[in-house]
């Protein structure tokens, strides 16, 4: 199911592609006719329809067309994709086997600590400071 934020993002994208399609009308259309679909599927279909020169209105999405065949890879015969097996909205909104929330969990669990930065070398700082002084025409300081 599309969230309010997703509907607004999709409507804004379609409005950017087709400024003649009013933003509020796009939101109303998406909520009324396509809120039950997956975000990615609606994004693909809406982009396809909006960029097709034969399209007059976004209602063309309601027809069977190549835009729905393009998203058929993640859909089941019921018209919905098979969601991730893990409970929770963050997981259930992704297709099984391609769950962004699972990938985020894996990355968060990765316990690789970064290599610590080497200790500063005072001579390197002095050398750099002398280069700056030299470029500015100032006297170079000798350090022991």
Protein backbone atom coordinates (compact mmCIF):
# COMPACT_ATOMS: atom_id res chain seq x y z
CA UNK A 1 0.00 0.00 0.00
CA UNK A 2 1.21 3.46 -0.82
CA UNK A 3 1.83 5.84 2.04
CA UNK A 4 0.83 9.50 1.89
CA UNK A 5 4.50 10.48 1.41
CA UNK A 6 4.90 8.02 -1.46
CA UNK A 7 1.76 9.32 -3.16
CA UNK A 8 3.04 12.89 -2.87
CA UNK A 9 6.46 11.94 -4.25
CA UNK A 10 4.97 10.07 -7.19
CA UNK A 11 2.56 12.92 -7.93
CA UNK A 12 5.40 15.44 -7.83
CA UNK A 13 7.49 13.29 -10.19
CA UNK A 14 4.61 12.92 -12.64
CA UNK A 15 3.88 16.65 -12.41
CA UNK A 16 7.53 17.38 -13.22
CA UNK A 17 7.24 15.17 -16.30
CA UNK A 18 3.80 16.49 -17.26
CA UNK A 19 3.22 19.99 -15.84
CA UNK A 20 -0.25 19.96 -17.45
CA UNK A 21 -1.27 17.30 -14.90
CA UNK A 22 -2.17 19.16 -11.66
CA UNK A 23 -0.39 17.94 -8.56
CA UNK A 24 -3.52 17.66 -6.40
CA UNK A 25 -5.38 15.77 -9.14
CA UNK A 26 -2.49 13.31 -9.41
CA UNK A 27 -2.56 12.71 -5.64
CA UNK A 28 -6.32 12.12 -5.73
CA UNK A 29 -6.01 9.76 -8.69
CA UNK A 30 -3.19 7.73 -7.13
CA UNK A 31 -4.95 7.37 -3.78
CA UNK A 32 -8.27 6.44 -5.38
CA UNK A 33 -7.04 4.03 -8.07
CA UNK A 34 -3.57 2.76 -7.17
CA UNK A 35 -3.00 3.01 -3.41
CA UNK A 36 -3.17 -0.79 -3.13
CA UNK A 37 -0.12 -1.26 -5.36
CA UNK A 38 3.57 -1.34 -4.52
CA UNK A 39 5.43 1.98 -4.61
CA UNK A 40 7.98 0.78 -7.18
CA UNK A 41 5.28 -0.61 -9.44
CA UNK A 42 3.29 2.62 -9.45
CA UNK A 43 6.48 4.63 -10.01
CA UNK A 44 7.41 2.56 -13.08
CA UNK A 45 3.91 2.58 -14.56
CA UNK A 46 3.30 6.27 -13.89
CA UNK A 47 6.65 7.24 -15.42
CA UNK A 48 5.97 5.08 -18.46
CA UNK A 49 2.52 6.58 -18.98
CA UNK A 50 3.70 10.15 -18.34
CA UNK A 51 6.50 9.89 -20.89
CA UNK A 52 4.44 8.17 -23.59
CA UNK A 53 3.41 10.73 -26.23
CA UNK A 54 0.09 8.89 -26.74
CA UNK A 55 -0.97 9.60 -23.16
CA UNK A 56 -3.44 12.41 -22.54
CA UNK A 57 -4.21 11.81 -18.84
CA UNK A 58 -2.73 9.70 -16.05
CA UNK A 59 -5.93 7.61 -16.09
CA UNK A 60 -4.29 5.63 -18.86
CA UNK A 61 -2.57 3.74 -16.02
CA UNK A 62 -5.94 2.08 -15.35
CA UNK A 63 -5.66 0.26 -18.67
CA UNK A 64 -3.72 -2.94 -19.23
CA UNK A 65 -0.60 -1.88 -21.02
CA UNK A 66 3.13 -2.46 -21.28
CA UNK A 67 3.65 -0.37 -18.13
CA UNK A 68 2.11 -3.15 -16.02
CA UNK A 69 4.01 -5.85 -17.89
CA UNK A 70 7.22 -3.98 -17.04
CA UNK A 71 6.58 -4.46 -13.33
CA UNK A 72 5.24 -8.02 -13.59
CA UNK A 73 8.52 -9.54 -12.33
CA UNK A 74 7.69 -8.81 -8.70
CA UNK A 75 3.96 -9.35 -8.85
CA UNK A 76 2.00 -12.48 -8.08
CA UNK A 77 -1.09 -13.56 -9.98
CA UNK A 78 -3.18 -11.47 -7.59
CA UNK A 79 -1.48 -8.30 -8.84
CA UNK A 80 0.63 -7.81 -5.71
CA UNK A 81 4.26 -8.70 -5.12
CA UNK A 82 5.21 -11.33 -2.57
CA UNK A 83 6.37 -9.34 0.47
CA UNK A 84 9.43 -10.03 2.61
CA UNK A 85 8.85 -12.75 5.22
CA UNK A 86 10.00 -10.62 8.16
CA UNK A 87 7.20 -8.89 10.07
CA UNK A 88 7.04 -5.12 10.29
CA UNK A 89 6.14 -2.33 7.88
CA UNK A 90 9.78 -1.68 7.02
CA UNK A 91 10.15 -5.22 5.64
CA UNK A 92 6.65 -5.98 4.36
CA UNK A 93 6.78 -3.08 1.90
CA UNK A 94 9.64 -4.73 -0.03
CA UNK A 95 9.49 -7.75 -2.35
CA UNK A 96 10.76 -11.04 -0.98
CA UNK A 97 14.39 -11.59 -1.92
CA UNK A 98 14.98 -7.88 -2.62
CA UNK A 99 14.18 -6.36 0.75
CA UNK A 100 15.90 -3.03 1.32
CA UNK A 101 15.13 -3.21 5.05
CA UNK A 102 16.90 -6.60 5.29
CA UNK A 103 19.92 -5.14 3.51
CA UNK A 104 19.94 -2.15 5.86
CA UNK A 105 19.81 -4.53 8.84
CA UNK A 106 22.77 -6.48 7.42
CA UNK A 107 24.80 -3.32 6.96
CA UNK A 108 23.96 -2.11 10.47
CA UNK A 109 25.05 -5.46 11.93
CA UNK A 110 28.38 -5.35 10.10
CA UNK A 111 30.89 -4.96 12.94
CA UNK A 112 33.87 -3.73 10.98
CA UNK A 113 35.51 -0.97 12.96
CA UNK A 114 37.38 1.60 10.91
CA UNK A 115 41.15 1.61 10.93
CA UNK A 116 42.34 4.27 13.37
CA UNK A 117 44.10 7.26 11.89
CA UNK A 118 47.87 7.29 12.40
CA UNK A 119 49.24 9.41 15.20
CA UNK A 120 50.21 12.92 14.08
CA UNK A 121 53.86 13.49 13.24
CA UNK A 122 55.02 16.86 14.66
CA UNK A 123 57.79 17.16 12.06
CA UNK A 124 55.24 16.91 9.27
CA UNK A 125 53.23 19.75 10.79
CA UNK A 126 56.35 21.89 11.13
CA UNK A 127 57.33 21.17 7.53
CA UNK A 128 53.88 22.10 6.30
CA UNK A 129 53.88 25.29 8.34
CA UNK A 130 57.27 26.23 6.89
CA UNK A 131 55.96 25.71 3.35
CA UNK A 132 53.10 28.10 4.11
CA UNK A 133 55.52 30.65 5.60
CA UNK A 134 57.77 30.34 2.55
CA UNK A 135 54.86 30.87 0.17
CA UNK A 136 53.79 33.93 2.16
CA UNK A 137 57.33 35.35 2.15
CA UNK A 138 57.76 34.93 5.92
CA UNK A 139 60.89 33.67 7.66
CA UNK A 140 61.16 29.88 8.09
CA UNK A 141 61.41 28.61 11.67
CA UNK A 142 63.91 25.95 12.60
CA UNK A 143 62.59 23.18 14.86
CA UNK A 144 64.69 20.82 16.90
